[in-house]
N, C-alpha and C. Protein backbone atom coordinates (compact mmCIF):
# COMPACT_ATOMS: atom_id res chain seq x y z
N MET A 1 30.15 138.94 52.60
CA MET A 1 30.85 139.03 51.33
C MET A 1 31.19 140.48 51.00
N ARG A 2 30.27 141.41 51.27
CA ARG A 2 30.52 142.82 50.97
C ARG A 2 31.67 143.34 51.83
N TYR A 3 31.68 142.96 53.12
CA TYR A 3 32.75 143.42 54.00
C TYR A 3 34.10 142.88 53.53
N ARG A 4 34.15 141.62 53.17
CA ARG A 4 35.40 141.03 52.73
C ARG A 4 35.89 141.67 51.44
N HIS A 5 34.98 141.96 50.54
CA HIS A 5 35.36 142.61 49.28
C HIS A 5 35.93 144.00 49.55
N CYS A 6 35.27 144.76 50.42
CA CYS A 6 35.76 146.11 50.75
C CYS A 6 37.08 146.04 51.50
N HIS A 7 37.23 145.06 52.36
CA HIS A 7 38.47 144.92 53.13
C HIS A 7 39.64 144.62 52.20
N ARG A 8 39.45 143.70 51.27
CA ARG A 8 40.52 143.37 50.33
C ARG A 8 40.87 144.56 49.44
N ALA A 9 39.85 145.30 49.01
CA ALA A 9 40.10 146.45 48.14
C ALA A 9 40.87 147.54 48.89
N TYR A 10 40.45 147.84 50.10
CA TYR A 10 41.12 148.89 50.87
C TYR A 10 42.53 148.47 51.25
N PHE A 11 42.71 147.19 51.56
CA PHE A 11 44.04 146.70 51.90
C PHE A 11 44.98 146.81 50.71
N ALA A 12 44.46 146.56 49.50
CA ALA A 12 45.28 146.67 48.30
C ALA A 12 45.68 148.12 48.04
N LEU A 13 44.81 149.07 48.41
CA LEU A 13 45.11 150.49 48.19
C LEU A 13 45.97 151.09 49.30
N ALA A 14 45.61 150.83 50.55
CA ALA A 14 46.28 151.48 51.69
C ALA A 14 47.37 150.62 52.31
N GLY A 15 47.28 149.30 52.13
CA GLY A 15 48.26 148.44 52.75
C GLY A 15 48.00 148.28 54.24
N PRO A 16 48.85 147.52 54.93
CA PRO A 16 48.64 147.32 56.37
C PRO A 16 48.86 148.61 57.15
N GLY A 17 48.16 148.71 58.27
CA GLY A 17 48.27 149.90 59.11
C GLY A 17 47.42 149.76 60.35
N PRO A 18 47.34 150.84 61.15
CA PRO A 18 46.53 150.78 62.38
C PRO A 18 45.06 150.46 62.13
N TRP A 19 44.57 150.77 60.94
CA TRP A 19 43.16 150.52 60.65
C TRP A 19 42.81 149.04 60.68
N THR A 20 43.83 148.16 60.46
CA THR A 20 43.56 146.72 60.47
C THR A 20 43.27 146.20 61.88
N GLN A 21 43.63 146.98 62.92
CA GLN A 21 43.30 146.56 64.28
C GLN A 21 41.81 146.73 64.55
N ARG A 22 41.20 147.69 63.86
CA ARG A 22 39.76 147.92 64.03
C ARG A 22 38.94 147.15 63.02
N PHE A 23 39.39 147.17 61.79
CA PHE A 23 38.68 146.45 60.73
C PHE A 23 39.52 145.23 60.34
N LYS A 24 39.31 144.14 61.06
CA LYS A 24 40.10 142.93 60.85
C LYS A 24 39.54 142.12 59.68
N GLU A 25 40.36 141.19 59.23
CA GLU A 25 39.90 140.27 58.19
C GLU A 25 38.83 139.35 58.78
N LEU A 26 37.72 139.25 58.12
CA LEU A 26 36.58 138.49 58.63
C LEU A 26 36.71 137.02 58.24
N GLN A 27 36.82 136.16 59.25
CA GLN A 27 36.86 134.72 59.03
C GLN A 27 35.47 134.12 59.24
N ASP A 28 35.29 132.91 58.76
CA ASP A 28 33.99 132.25 58.93
C ASP A 28 33.63 132.10 60.40
N GLY A 29 34.64 131.79 61.22
CA GLY A 29 34.39 131.59 62.64
C GLY A 29 34.06 132.86 63.39
N ASP A 30 34.30 134.03 62.78
CA ASP A 30 34.00 135.30 63.45
C ASP A 30 32.51 135.63 63.40
N CYS A 31 31.81 135.05 62.46
CA CYS A 31 30.37 135.36 62.29
C CYS A 31 29.55 134.47 63.20
N ARG A 32 29.48 134.85 64.46
CA ARG A 32 28.72 134.09 65.43
C ARG A 32 28.11 135.03 66.46
N ALA A 33 27.02 134.59 67.03
CA ALA A 33 26.32 135.41 68.02
C ALA A 33 27.11 135.46 69.32
N MET A 34 26.64 136.30 70.24
CA MET A 34 27.36 136.47 71.50
C MET A 34 27.39 135.20 72.34
N ASN A 35 26.36 134.37 72.21
CA ASN A 35 26.29 133.17 73.02
C ASN A 35 26.80 131.94 72.28
N GLU A 36 27.57 132.17 71.21
CA GLU A 36 28.12 131.07 70.44
C GLU A 36 29.64 131.12 70.49
N ARG A 37 30.25 129.97 70.33
CA ARG A 37 31.70 129.90 70.28
C ARG A 37 32.13 129.11 69.05
N LYS A 38 33.40 129.25 68.67
CA LYS A 38 33.91 128.54 67.50
C LYS A 38 34.32 127.13 67.89
N LEU A 39 33.95 126.18 67.07
CA LEU A 39 34.30 124.80 67.34
C LEU A 39 35.77 124.54 67.09
N THR A 40 36.36 123.61 67.84
CA THR A 40 37.71 123.17 67.57
C THR A 40 37.68 122.23 66.37
N GLU A 41 38.87 121.94 65.82
CA GLU A 41 38.93 121.06 64.66
C GLU A 41 38.40 119.67 64.99
N GLN A 42 38.72 119.18 66.20
CA GLN A 42 38.25 117.86 66.59
C GLN A 42 36.73 117.84 66.73
N GLU A 43 36.17 118.91 67.28
CA GLU A 43 34.72 118.99 67.42
C GLU A 43 34.04 119.04 66.06
N LYS A 44 34.67 119.73 65.10
CA LYS A 44 34.11 119.77 63.75
C LYS A 44 34.08 118.38 63.13
N LYS A 45 35.17 117.62 63.33
CA LYS A 45 35.22 116.26 62.78
C LYS A 45 34.17 115.37 63.44
N ASP A 46 34.05 115.49 64.77
CA ASP A 46 33.06 114.68 65.48
C ASP A 46 31.64 115.05 65.05
N ARG A 47 31.42 116.35 64.87
CA ARG A 47 30.08 116.80 64.46
C ARG A 47 29.75 116.31 63.05
N GLN A 48 30.75 116.38 62.14
CA GLN A 48 30.52 115.92 60.77
C GLN A 48 30.23 114.42 60.75
N ALA A 49 30.91 113.67 61.62
CA ALA A 49 30.66 112.23 61.69
C ALA A 49 29.25 111.94 62.18
N LYS A 50 28.77 112.75 63.12
CA LYS A 50 27.40 112.57 63.62
C LYS A 50 26.38 112.91 62.55
N ILE A 51 26.67 113.96 61.78
CA ILE A 51 25.75 114.33 60.70
C ILE A 51 25.65 113.22 59.67
N GLN A 52 26.80 112.64 59.30
CA GLN A 52 26.80 111.55 58.33
C GLN A 52 26.08 110.32 58.86
N ALA A 53 26.10 110.16 60.19
CA ALA A 53 25.41 109.03 60.81
C ALA A 53 23.94 109.31 61.06
N GLY A 54 23.50 110.53 60.71
CA GLY A 54 22.10 110.89 60.90
C GLY A 54 21.77 111.35 62.29
N GLU A 55 22.79 111.66 63.10
CA GLU A 55 22.56 112.13 64.46
C GLU A 55 22.58 113.65 64.49
N ARG A 56 22.13 114.21 65.61
CA ARG A 56 22.09 115.66 65.75
C ARG A 56 22.39 116.02 67.19
N GLU A 57 23.27 117.01 67.38
CA GLU A 57 23.64 117.43 68.72
C GLU A 57 22.62 118.41 69.27
N VAL A 58 22.51 118.44 70.61
CA VAL A 58 21.65 119.41 71.27
C VAL A 58 22.24 120.79 71.11
N GLY A 59 21.43 121.74 70.62
CA GLY A 59 21.92 123.10 70.43
C GLY A 59 22.68 123.31 69.15
N ASP A 60 22.70 122.32 68.27
CA ASP A 60 23.44 122.43 67.01
C ASP A 60 22.77 123.45 66.10
N THR A 61 23.60 124.20 65.35
CA THR A 61 23.04 125.21 64.47
C THR A 61 23.56 125.04 63.06
N ARG A 62 24.84 125.38 62.83
CA ARG A 62 25.38 125.30 61.48
C ARG A 62 26.88 125.08 61.59
N ASP A 63 27.55 124.86 60.47
CA ASP A 63 28.97 124.54 60.48
C ASP A 63 29.77 125.59 61.22
N GLY A 64 30.61 125.11 62.13
CA GLY A 64 31.53 126.00 62.83
C GLY A 64 30.94 126.75 63.98
N ILE A 65 29.64 126.58 64.27
CA ILE A 65 29.00 127.37 65.32
C ILE A 65 28.18 126.45 66.22
N VAL A 66 28.27 126.69 67.50
CA VAL A 66 27.49 125.92 68.45
C VAL A 66 26.97 126.87 69.51
N VAL A 67 25.77 126.63 70.01
CA VAL A 67 25.15 127.53 70.96
C VAL A 67 25.18 126.92 72.35
N ASP A 68 24.54 127.61 73.30
CA ASP A 68 24.53 127.14 74.68
C ASP A 68 23.98 125.73 74.78
N GLY A 69 24.50 124.99 75.75
CA GLY A 69 24.01 123.64 76.00
C GLY A 69 24.93 122.57 75.46
N VAL A 70 25.95 122.96 74.69
CA VAL A 70 26.89 122.01 74.14
C VAL A 70 28.15 122.04 74.98
N LEU A 71 28.80 120.89 75.13
CA LEU A 71 29.98 120.78 75.96
C LEU A 71 31.02 121.83 75.60
N GLY A 72 31.56 122.52 76.60
CA GLY A 72 32.61 123.50 76.38
C GLY A 72 32.11 124.90 76.14
N ALA A 73 30.83 125.16 76.34
CA ALA A 73 30.27 126.48 76.06
C ALA A 73 30.82 127.56 76.97
N THR A 74 31.41 127.15 78.11
CA THR A 74 31.96 128.14 79.03
C THR A 74 33.35 128.60 78.63
N ARG A 75 33.92 127.99 77.58
CA ARG A 75 35.30 128.31 77.21
C ARG A 75 35.41 129.26 76.02
N TYR A 76 34.31 129.64 75.43
CA TYR A 76 34.40 130.43 74.21
C TYR A 76 34.78 131.88 74.52
N THR A 77 35.31 132.57 73.52
CA THR A 77 35.61 134.00 73.62
C THR A 77 34.70 134.74 72.64
N LEU A 78 34.33 135.94 73.01
CA LEU A 78 33.43 136.74 72.20
C LEU A 78 34.12 137.14 70.90
N SER A 79 33.40 137.05 69.79
CA SER A 79 33.97 137.43 68.51
C SER A 79 34.30 138.92 68.49
N TRP A 80 35.36 139.28 67.76
CA TRP A 80 35.81 140.67 67.73
C TRP A 80 34.77 141.59 67.11
N ILE A 81 33.85 141.07 66.32
CA ILE A 81 32.87 141.94 65.66
C ILE A 81 31.98 142.65 66.67
N TRP A 82 31.84 142.08 67.88
CA TRP A 82 30.98 142.70 68.88
C TRP A 82 31.68 143.81 69.64
N TYR A 83 32.99 143.92 69.47
CA TYR A 83 33.74 145.00 70.09
C TYR A 83 33.97 146.16 69.14
N ASN A 84 33.52 146.02 67.92
CA ASN A 84 33.82 147.01 66.89
C ASN A 84 32.69 148.01 66.75
N ALA A 85 32.93 148.99 65.89
CA ALA A 85 31.94 150.05 65.68
C ALA A 85 30.76 149.51 64.89
N THR A 86 29.63 150.17 65.03
CA THR A 86 28.44 149.79 64.27
C THR A 86 28.51 150.37 62.86
N ALA A 87 27.61 149.92 62.03
CA ALA A 87 27.61 150.39 60.65
C ALA A 87 27.22 151.86 60.58
N ASP A 88 27.69 152.55 59.56
CA ASP A 88 27.37 153.96 59.39
C ASP A 88 25.87 154.15 59.22
N GLY A 89 25.35 155.14 59.90
CA GLY A 89 23.93 155.46 59.79
C GLY A 89 23.02 154.57 60.62
N VAL A 90 23.58 153.61 61.34
CA VAL A 90 22.78 152.71 62.17
C VAL A 90 23.14 152.97 63.62
N ASP A 91 22.22 153.56 64.36
CA ASP A 91 22.48 153.92 65.75
C ASP A 91 21.94 152.83 66.67
N ASP A 92 22.68 151.73 66.76
CA ASP A 92 22.26 150.65 67.65
C ASP A 92 23.30 150.40 68.74
N THR A 93 24.07 151.45 69.07
CA THR A 93 25.11 151.31 70.08
C THR A 93 24.54 150.86 71.42
N GLU A 94 23.44 151.48 71.83
CA GLU A 94 22.83 151.13 73.11
C GLU A 94 22.36 149.67 73.12
N ALA A 95 21.82 149.23 72.00
CA ALA A 95 21.36 147.85 71.92
C ALA A 95 22.53 146.87 72.03
N VAL A 96 23.64 147.21 71.36
CA VAL A 96 24.82 146.35 71.43
C VAL A 96 25.39 146.33 72.84
N LEU A 97 25.47 147.51 73.47
CA LEU A 97 25.98 147.59 74.84
C LEU A 97 25.10 146.81 75.81
N GLU A 98 23.80 146.91 75.61
CA GLU A 98 22.88 146.16 76.47
C GLU A 98 23.07 144.65 76.29
N ALA A 99 23.26 144.23 75.03
CA ALA A 99 23.50 142.82 74.77
C ALA A 99 24.81 142.35 75.40
N LEU A 100 25.83 143.23 75.35
CA LEU A 100 27.11 142.90 75.98
C LEU A 100 26.96 142.77 77.49
N ARG A 101 26.17 143.66 78.09
CA ARG A 101 25.96 143.58 79.54
C ARG A 101 25.23 142.29 79.92
N VAL A 102 24.25 141.92 79.12
CA VAL A 102 23.52 140.68 79.38
C VAL A 102 24.45 139.48 79.26
N GLN A 103 25.28 139.49 78.21
CA GLN A 103 26.20 138.38 78.01
C GLN A 103 27.23 138.31 79.13
N TRP A 104 27.68 139.48 79.61
CA TRP A 104 28.63 139.50 80.73
C TRP A 104 27.99 138.90 81.98
N ALA A 105 26.75 139.25 82.24
CA ALA A 105 26.06 138.72 83.42
C ALA A 105 25.89 137.20 83.31
N LYS A 106 25.55 136.72 82.11
CA LYS A 106 25.40 135.29 81.91
C LYS A 106 26.73 134.57 82.07
N SER A 107 27.80 135.16 81.55
CA SER A 107 29.12 134.55 81.67
C SER A 107 29.58 134.50 83.12
N LYS A 108 29.30 135.56 83.86
CA LYS A 108 29.67 135.59 85.27
C LYS A 108 28.91 134.53 86.06
N ALA A 109 27.61 134.40 85.77
CA ALA A 109 26.81 133.37 86.44
C ALA A 109 27.30 131.97 86.07
N SER A 110 27.67 131.79 84.80
CA SER A 110 28.18 130.50 84.36
C SER A 110 29.50 130.17 85.05
N ALA A 111 30.37 131.18 85.18
CA ALA A 111 31.65 130.97 85.85
C ALA A 111 31.44 130.63 87.32
N ARG A 112 30.47 131.31 87.96
CA ARG A 112 30.18 131.02 89.35
C ARG A 112 29.63 129.60 89.51
N SER A 113 28.76 129.20 88.59
CA SER A 113 28.22 127.84 88.64
C SER A 113 29.32 126.82 88.44
N TRP A 114 30.26 127.13 87.55
CA TRP A 114 31.40 126.23 87.30
C TRP A 114 32.24 126.09 88.55
N TYR A 115 32.48 127.21 89.26
CA TYR A 115 33.24 127.18 90.51
C TYR A 115 32.53 126.31 91.54
N ASP A 116 31.22 126.48 91.66
CA ASP A 116 30.45 125.69 92.63
C ASP A 116 30.49 124.20 92.28
N ASP A 117 30.45 123.88 90.99
CA ASP A 117 30.52 122.48 90.58
C ASP A 117 31.85 121.86 90.98
N VAL A 118 32.94 122.61 90.79
CA VAL A 118 34.26 122.11 91.18
C VAL A 118 34.34 121.91 92.69
N ARG A 119 33.83 122.89 93.43
CA ARG A 119 33.86 122.80 94.89
C ARG A 119 33.05 121.60 95.38
N LEU A 120 31.87 121.40 94.80
CA LEU A 120 31.03 120.27 95.21
C LEU A 120 31.68 118.94 94.84
N LEU A 121 32.33 118.88 93.68
CA LEU A 121 32.99 117.64 93.26
C LEU A 121 34.10 117.26 94.22
N VAL A 122 34.92 118.23 94.61
CA VAL A 122 36.01 117.96 95.56
C VAL A 122 35.45 117.53 96.91
N GLU A 123 34.37 118.17 97.34
CA GLU A 123 33.75 117.81 98.61
C GLU A 123 33.15 116.41 98.56
N GLU A 124 32.54 116.05 97.44
CA GLU A 124 32.00 114.70 97.29
C GLU A 124 33.11 113.65 97.34
N MET A 125 34.24 113.95 96.72
CA MET A 125 35.37 113.02 96.79
C MET A 125 35.83 112.84 98.23
N ARG A 126 35.92 113.95 98.95
CA ARG A 126 36.37 113.88 100.35
C ARG A 126 35.40 113.05 101.18
N ARG A 127 34.11 113.25 100.97
CA ARG A 127 33.11 112.54 101.76
C ARG A 127 33.07 111.05 101.43
N VAL A 128 33.24 110.71 100.17
CA VAL A 128 33.26 109.30 99.79
C VAL A 128 34.43 108.60 100.47
N GLU A 129 35.61 109.21 100.40
CA GLU A 129 36.78 108.61 101.04
C GLU A 129 36.59 108.51 102.55
N ALA A 130 36.07 109.58 103.18
CA ALA A 130 35.86 109.57 104.63
C ALA A 130 34.83 108.51 105.02
N ALA A 131 33.77 108.37 104.23
CA ALA A 131 32.74 107.38 104.53
C ALA A 131 33.29 105.96 104.46
N MET A 132 34.10 105.69 103.46
CA MET A 132 34.65 104.35 103.32
C MET A 132 35.62 104.03 104.44
N ARG A 133 36.39 105.00 104.87
CA ARG A 133 37.30 104.77 106.00
C ARG A 133 36.52 104.60 107.30
N HIS A 134 35.40 105.31 107.41
CA HIS A 134 34.55 105.14 108.59
C HIS A 134 33.94 103.74 108.62
N ILE A 135 33.51 103.25 107.47
CA ILE A 135 32.97 101.89 107.39
C ILE A 135 34.04 100.87 107.76
N ALA A 136 35.27 101.10 107.28
CA ALA A 136 36.38 100.20 107.62
C ALA A 136 36.62 100.19 109.13
N GLU A 137 36.53 101.34 109.76
CA GLU A 137 36.71 101.42 111.21
C GLU A 137 35.59 100.68 111.94
N GLN A 138 34.38 100.78 111.42
CA GLN A 138 33.26 100.05 112.04
C GLN A 138 33.46 98.54 111.96
N TRP A 139 33.94 98.07 110.83
CA TRP A 139 34.21 96.64 110.71
C TRP A 139 35.31 96.21 111.67
N THR A 140 36.31 97.05 111.84
CA THR A 140 37.38 96.73 112.79
C THR A 140 36.84 96.61 114.21
N GLN A 141 35.95 97.50 114.58
CA GLN A 141 35.36 97.45 115.92
C GLN A 141 34.46 96.22 116.10
N LYS A 142 33.81 95.78 115.04
CA LYS A 142 32.93 94.62 115.14
C LYS A 142 33.70 93.32 115.35
N ALA A 143 34.99 93.35 115.09
CA ALA A 143 35.79 92.13 115.21
C ALA A 143 35.83 91.61 116.64
N THR A 144 35.59 92.46 117.62
CA THR A 144 35.68 92.04 119.03
C THR A 144 34.35 92.18 119.77
N LEU A 145 33.25 92.28 119.06
CA LEU A 145 31.96 92.48 119.72
C LEU A 145 31.44 91.21 120.39
N ARG A 146 31.68 90.06 119.80
CA ARG A 146 31.14 88.80 120.34
C ARG A 146 32.12 88.19 121.33
N ALA A 147 32.27 88.86 122.47
CA ALA A 147 33.23 88.38 123.47
C ALA A 147 32.79 87.09 124.12
N ASN A 148 31.48 86.81 124.14
CA ASN A 148 30.96 85.61 124.79
C ASN A 148 30.92 84.40 123.86
N ALA A 149 31.36 84.57 122.63
CA ALA A 149 31.35 83.46 121.68
C ALA A 149 32.53 82.53 121.94
N THR A 150 32.45 81.37 121.35
CA THR A 150 33.55 80.42 121.49
C THR A 150 34.79 80.94 120.77
N ALA A 151 35.93 80.37 121.10
CA ALA A 151 37.19 80.82 120.51
C ALA A 151 37.17 80.66 118.99
N GLY A 152 36.64 79.52 118.52
CA GLY A 152 36.59 79.30 117.08
C GLY A 152 35.68 80.29 116.38
N LEU A 153 34.51 80.56 116.99
CA LEU A 153 33.59 81.52 116.39
C LEU A 153 34.17 82.93 116.40
N GLN A 154 34.81 83.29 117.52
CA GLN A 154 35.43 84.62 117.60
C GLN A 154 36.50 84.79 116.52
N GLU A 155 37.27 83.75 116.31
CA GLU A 155 38.32 83.83 115.28
C GLU A 155 37.71 84.00 113.89
N GLY A 156 36.64 83.27 113.61
CA GLY A 156 35.98 83.39 112.31
C GLY A 156 35.35 84.75 112.10
N LEU A 157 34.66 85.25 113.15
CA LEU A 157 34.03 86.57 113.05
C LEU A 157 35.07 87.67 112.88
N ALA A 158 36.17 87.56 113.62
CA ALA A 158 37.23 88.57 113.51
C ALA A 158 37.85 88.56 112.11
N ALA A 159 38.08 87.36 111.56
CA ALA A 159 38.65 87.27 110.22
C ALA A 159 37.70 87.88 109.19
N TYR A 160 36.41 87.59 109.35
CA TYR A 160 35.40 88.14 108.43
C TYR A 160 35.38 89.67 108.51
N ALA A 161 35.38 90.21 109.74
CA ALA A 161 35.33 91.66 109.92
C ALA A 161 36.59 92.33 109.39
N PHE A 162 37.75 91.76 109.68
CA PHE A 162 39.01 92.36 109.22
C PHE A 162 39.11 92.31 107.70
N ARG A 163 38.54 91.25 107.11
CA ARG A 163 38.56 91.16 105.64
C ARG A 163 37.76 92.31 105.04
N HIS A 164 36.58 92.57 105.58
CA HIS A 164 35.76 93.67 105.08
C HIS A 164 36.43 95.02 105.34
N ALA A 165 37.04 95.18 106.49
CA ALA A 165 37.73 96.43 106.80
C ALA A 165 38.88 96.67 105.83
N ASP A 166 39.60 95.60 105.50
CA ASP A 166 40.71 95.73 104.56
C ASP A 166 40.22 96.08 103.16
N MET A 167 39.10 95.49 102.74
CA MET A 167 38.55 95.78 101.42
C MET A 167 38.12 97.24 101.32
N GLU A 168 37.46 97.75 102.36
CA GLU A 168 37.04 99.15 102.36
C GLU A 168 38.24 100.09 102.35
N THR A 169 39.26 99.75 103.12
CA THR A 169 40.45 100.60 103.19
C THR A 169 41.19 100.63 101.86
N ARG A 170 41.36 99.45 101.23
CA ARG A 170 42.05 99.40 99.95
C ARG A 170 41.29 100.16 98.87
N LEU A 171 39.97 100.04 98.88
CA LEU A 171 39.17 100.76 97.89
C LEU A 171 39.26 102.26 98.12
N ALA A 172 39.25 102.69 99.38
CA ALA A 172 39.40 104.12 99.69
C ALA A 172 40.75 104.63 99.23
N ASN A 173 41.81 103.85 99.45
CA ASN A 173 43.15 104.25 99.03
C ASN A 173 43.25 104.32 97.51
N LYS A 174 42.62 103.37 96.82
CA LYS A 174 42.67 103.35 95.36
C LYS A 174 42.00 104.59 94.78
N TRP A 175 40.79 104.90 95.27
CA TRP A 175 40.08 106.06 94.75
C TRP A 175 40.76 107.36 95.13
N ALA A 176 41.34 107.42 96.33
CA ALA A 176 42.05 108.63 96.74
C ALA A 176 43.23 108.90 95.82
N ALA A 177 43.93 107.83 95.42
CA ALA A 177 45.07 108.00 94.51
C ALA A 177 44.61 108.43 93.13
N GLN A 178 43.50 107.87 92.65
CA GLN A 178 42.99 108.23 91.33
C GLN A 178 42.45 109.65 91.30
N TRP A 179 41.89 110.11 92.40
CA TRP A 179 41.30 111.44 92.46
C TRP A 179 42.31 112.53 92.77
N GLU A 180 43.54 112.16 93.09
CA GLU A 180 44.53 113.16 93.47
C GLU A 180 44.80 114.15 92.35
N VAL A 181 44.82 113.67 91.10
CA VAL A 181 45.08 114.56 89.97
C VAL A 181 43.96 115.58 89.81
N VAL A 182 42.73 115.17 90.10
CA VAL A 182 41.60 116.10 90.02
C VAL A 182 41.70 117.15 91.12
N LYS A 183 42.05 116.73 92.31
CA LYS A 183 42.17 117.67 93.43
C LYS A 183 43.28 118.69 93.17
N LYS A 184 44.39 118.23 92.59
CA LYS A 184 45.49 119.14 92.27
C LYS A 184 45.05 120.17 91.24
N ARG A 185 44.29 119.72 90.26
CA ARG A 185 43.82 120.63 89.21
C ARG A 185 42.78 121.61 89.75
N ALA A 186 42.06 121.20 90.80
CA ALA A 186 41.02 122.05 91.36
C ALA A 186 41.56 123.07 92.36
N GLU A 187 42.76 122.85 92.88
CA GLU A 187 43.31 123.74 93.91
C GLU A 187 43.37 125.20 93.48
N PRO A 188 43.96 125.55 92.32
CA PRO A 188 43.99 126.96 91.92
C PRO A 188 42.62 127.54 91.64
N ILE A 189 41.68 126.71 91.21
CA ILE A 189 40.32 127.19 90.95
C ILE A 189 39.66 127.59 92.25
N LEU A 190 39.75 126.74 93.25
CA LEU A 190 39.13 127.02 94.55
C LEU A 190 39.83 128.16 95.27
N ALA A 191 41.12 128.35 94.97
CA ALA A 191 41.87 129.45 95.59
C ALA A 191 41.66 130.77 94.87
N GLY A 192 40.96 130.74 93.74
CA GLY A 192 40.71 131.97 92.98
C GLY A 192 41.89 132.42 92.15
N ASN A 193 42.88 131.57 91.96
CA ASN A 193 44.07 131.92 91.18
C ASN A 193 43.82 131.55 89.72
N MET A 194 43.07 132.40 89.02
CA MET A 194 42.67 132.10 87.66
C MET A 194 43.83 132.19 86.68
N GLU A 195 44.91 132.92 87.04
CA GLU A 195 46.07 132.98 86.15
C GLU A 195 46.68 131.59 85.98
N VAL A 196 46.79 130.86 87.09
CA VAL A 196 47.33 129.51 87.02
C VAL A 196 46.39 128.59 86.24
N VAL A 197 45.08 128.78 86.42
CA VAL A 197 44.10 127.97 85.71
C VAL A 197 44.20 128.20 84.21
N GLU A 198 44.28 129.47 83.79
CA GLU A 198 44.36 129.78 82.36
C GLU A 198 45.64 129.24 81.75
N ALA A 199 46.75 129.34 82.50
CA ALA A 199 48.02 128.81 82.00
C ALA A 199 47.95 127.30 81.81
N ALA A 200 47.32 126.62 82.75
CA ALA A 200 47.18 125.17 82.63
C ALA A 200 46.26 124.79 81.48
N GLU A 201 45.20 125.58 81.25
CA GLU A 201 44.27 125.29 80.16
C GLU A 201 44.94 125.46 78.80
N LYS A 202 45.87 126.41 78.70
CA LYS A 202 46.56 126.62 77.43
C LYS A 202 47.48 125.44 77.11
N LEU A 203 48.03 124.81 78.15
CA LEU A 203 48.91 123.67 77.94
C LEU A 203 48.12 122.40 77.62
N ALA A 204 46.95 122.27 78.22
CA ALA A 204 46.14 121.07 78.00
C ALA A 204 44.68 121.47 77.89
N ARG A 205 44.14 121.43 76.69
CA ARG A 205 42.76 121.82 76.45
C ARG A 205 41.79 120.63 76.53
N THR A 206 42.29 119.46 76.88
CA THR A 206 41.42 118.30 76.95
C THR A 206 40.87 118.14 78.35
N ASP A 207 39.68 117.57 78.45
CA ASP A 207 39.08 117.30 79.75
C ASP A 207 39.81 116.16 80.43
N GLN A 208 40.00 116.30 81.74
CA GLN A 208 40.67 115.26 82.50
C GLN A 208 39.71 114.10 82.75
N VAL A 209 40.11 112.90 82.36
CA VAL A 209 39.28 111.71 82.56
C VAL A 209 39.94 110.83 83.61
N ILE A 210 39.21 110.53 84.66
CA ILE A 210 39.72 109.69 85.73
C ILE A 210 39.02 108.35 85.67
N PRO A 211 39.73 107.28 85.27
CA PRO A 211 39.08 105.96 85.20
C PRO A 211 38.86 105.40 86.60
N ILE A 212 37.69 104.84 86.81
CA ILE A 212 37.36 104.17 88.07
C ILE A 212 37.16 102.70 87.76
N GLU A 213 38.10 101.87 88.20
CA GLU A 213 38.02 100.44 87.93
C GLU A 213 37.52 99.73 89.18
N LEU A 214 36.41 99.04 89.02
CA LEU A 214 35.83 98.28 90.12
C LEU A 214 36.00 96.79 89.84
N GLU A 215 36.65 96.12 90.76
CA GLU A 215 36.76 94.68 90.68
C GLU A 215 35.74 94.05 91.61
N GLU A 216 35.47 92.79 91.36
CA GLU A 216 34.45 92.11 92.16
C GLU A 216 34.82 92.11 93.64
N GLU A 217 36.10 91.95 93.93
CA GLU A 217 36.52 91.90 95.33
C GLU A 217 36.47 93.28 95.99
N ASP A 218 36.37 94.34 95.18
CA ASP A 218 36.29 95.68 95.73
C ASP A 218 34.89 96.02 96.24
N CYS A 219 33.92 95.19 95.96
CA CYS A 219 32.53 95.47 96.34
C CYS A 219 32.06 94.44 97.36
N PRO A 220 32.33 94.67 98.63
CA PRO A 220 31.90 93.71 99.65
C PRO A 220 30.40 93.64 99.73
N PRO A 221 29.86 92.46 100.01
CA PRO A 221 28.40 92.33 100.13
C PRO A 221 27.87 93.13 101.30
N ILE A 222 26.63 93.56 101.19
CA ILE A 222 26.00 94.32 102.26
C ILE A 222 25.41 93.33 103.25
N ASP A 223 26.15 93.04 104.27
CA ASP A 223 25.66 92.14 105.30
C ASP A 223 26.24 92.55 106.64
N ASP A 224 25.86 91.89 107.67
CA ASP A 224 26.28 92.26 109.02
C ASP A 224 26.30 91.00 109.87
N PHE A 225 26.77 91.14 111.09
CA PHE A 225 26.76 89.99 111.99
C PHE A 225 25.33 89.64 112.37
């Protein structure tokens, strides 16, 4: 309150100028610690609804502020107050710089962990698709294993094996198509092209949701010849 009062008074006397770049107007969202970020309007509405329902989020603190452990904590930007000068007569520059260094190290580790998560997710998608196609190939090979069986039995076994191979192949194709959008979004991240990533994030700030629809026929029973 004191800062806002002084800011309004000085602005009324001096008017706008270079000093406003250093001493900015203080908003409610600016008063947050280094490890906190400002909530979006949708997050505020969701949080208020949870409060009215008697629920509480992990890491919740107060209106407009959320700490580590809440979804989206890797996307926040440091408040401008931490880049500004300290109060007159208070020599805590070293303490602030040390806190900034700690926060930088934590942010770098978080970014690295985020990169590893993306890399592992793409690799898991690749392995799931490869495994399902391998299973389909195994079923195809089993279609001709019983060479000494009667013609009728061979025909039945081959039809059974080809049916399972087709189900595995179709399911692999379905998931590969659904995961393609995720792989495209992950390409600039894995390539280290963060400019493209930031540009894409500015256009779409929502998390990408990939629906996985499983039908009964998509889940072949676990059995064998």
